[in-house]
Amino acid sequence: MSDPLHPHMFVRADSSLAEDLCTVELLDALTAARARELAEIHRDHSLELCAVLRAAQA
């Protein structure tokens, strides 16, 4: 969970943190292949709560 005083944490799209965390912003653009991977990993998450899933489906 992110710190309420620092709500944005940025990670690289190709990092394992993008696979493990939902409340992060991606630093770099997603390739189509990486977007599919992250969408599959985060598929059971709520779009409202999972910023990675939203980015992967954009």
C-alpha atoms as a PDB file:
ATOM      1  CA  MET A   1       0.000   0.000   0.000  1.00  0.00           C
ATOM      2  CA  SER A   2       1.271   3.461  -0.822  1.00  0.00           C
ATOM      3  CA  ASP A   3       2.036   6.080   1.788  1.00  0.00           C
ATOM      4  CA  PRO A   4      -0.848   8.600   2.000  1.00  0.00           C
ATOM      5  CA  LEU A   5       1.661  11.458   2.188  1.00  0.00           C
ATOM      6  CA  HIS A   6       3.350  10.248  -1.003  1.00  0.00           C
ATOM      7  CA  PRO A   7       0.555   8.690  -3.038  1.00  0.00           C
ATOM      8  CA  HIS A   8       2.498   8.026  -6.246  1.00  0.00           C
ATOM      9  CA  MET A   9       5.194   5.432  -6.610  1.00  0.00           C
ATOM     10  CA  PHE A  10       6.684   5.020 -10.057  1.00  0.00           C
ATOM     11  CA  VAL A  11       8.150   1.759 -11.377  1.00  0.00           C
ATOM     12  CA  ARG A  12       9.467   0.569 -14.709  1.00  0.00           C
ATOM     13  CA  ALA A  13       6.911  -1.286 -16.801  1.00  0.00           C
ATOM     14  CA  ASP A  14       9.303  -4.201 -17.287  1.00  0.00           C
ATOM     15  CA  SER A  15      10.048  -4.619 -13.564  1.00  0.00           C
ATOM     16  CA  SER A  16       8.805  -7.310 -11.215  1.00  0.00           C
ATOM     17  CA  LEU A  17       7.290  -4.533  -9.067  1.00  0.00           C
ATOM     18  CA  ALA A  18       4.808  -3.846 -11.880  1.00  0.00           C
ATOM     19  CA  GLU A  19       3.783  -7.489 -11.561  1.00  0.00           C
ATOM     20  CA  ASP A  20       3.497  -7.454  -7.763  1.00  0.00           C
ATOM     21  CA  LEU A  21       1.995  -4.045  -6.964  1.00  0.00           C
ATOM     22  CA  CYS A  22      -1.273  -2.465  -8.051  1.00  0.00           C
ATOM     23  CA  THR A  23      -1.006   1.096  -6.788  1.00  0.00           C
ATOM     24  CA  VAL A  24       1.981   2.199  -8.859  1.00  0.00           C
ATOM     25  CA  GLU A  25       2.384   4.378 -11.914  1.00  0.00           C
ATOM     26  CA  LEU A  26       4.424   3.052 -14.816  1.00  0.00           C
ATOM     27  CA  LEU A  27       7.446   5.135 -15.791  1.00  0.00           C
ATOM     28  CA  ASP A  28       7.745   3.999 -19.359  1.00  0.00           C
ATOM     29  CA  ALA A  29       5.432   3.020 -22.171  1.00  0.00           C
ATOM     30  CA  LEU A  30       4.084  -0.510 -22.299  1.00  0.00           C
ATOM     31  CA  THR A  31       4.796  -2.669 -25.288  1.00  0.00           C
ATOM     32  CA  ALA A  32       1.818  -4.655 -26.531  1.00  0.00           C
ATOM     33  CA  ALA A  33       3.411  -7.871 -25.241  1.00  0.00           C
ATOM     34  CA  ARG A  34       4.110  -6.423 -21.773  1.00  0.00           C
ATOM     35  CA  ALA A  35       0.599  -4.977 -21.572  1.00  0.00           C
ATOM     36  CA  ARG A  36      -0.809  -8.466 -22.236  1.00  0.00           C
ATOM     37  CA  GLU A  37       1.474  -9.974 -19.558  1.00  0.00           C
ATOM     38  CA  LEU A  38       0.473  -7.409 -16.926  1.00  0.00           C
ATOM     39  CA  ALA A  39      -3.211  -7.678 -17.848  1.00  0.00           C
ATOM     40  CA  GLU A  40      -3.009 -11.442 -17.329  1.00  0.00           C
ATOM     41  CA  ILE A  41      -1.180 -11.101 -14.004  1.00  0.00           C
ATOM     42  CA  HIS A  42      -3.642  -8.493 -12.682  1.00  0.00           C
ATOM     43  CA  ARG A  43      -6.772  -9.952 -14.366  1.00  0.00           C
ATOM     44  CA  ASP A  44      -8.654 -10.658 -11.121  1.00  0.00           C
ATOM     45  CA  HIS A  45      -8.113  -7.161  -9.727  1.00  0.00           C
ATOM     46  CA  SER A  46     -10.611  -4.308  -9.663  1.00  0.00           C
ATOM     47  CA  LEU A  47     -10.050  -1.639 -12.321  1.00  0.00           C
ATOM     48  CA  GLU A  48     -10.903   0.967  -9.703  1.00  0.00           C
ATOM     49  CA  LEU A  49      -8.094  -0.195  -7.410  1.00  0.00           C
ATOM     50  CA  CYS A  50      -5.437  -1.464  -9.803  1.00  0.00           C
ATOM     51  CA  ALA A  51      -3.567   1.249 -11.707  1.00  0.00           C
ATOM     52  CA  VAL A  52      -1.407  -1.349 -13.458  1.00  0.00           C
ATOM     53  CA  LEU A  53      -4.441  -3.130 -14.884  1.00  0.00           C
ATOM     54  CA  ARG A  54      -5.874   0.194 -16.073  1.00  0.00           C
ATOM     55  CA  ALA A  55      -2.587   1.017 -17.810  1.00  0.00           C
ATOM     56  CA  ALA A  56      -2.385  -2.443 -19.356  1.00  0.00           C
ATOM     57  CA  GLN A  57      -5.898  -2.175 -20.764  1.00  0.00           C
ATOM     58  CA  ALA A  58      -5.495   1.387 -22.091  1.00  0.00           C
END
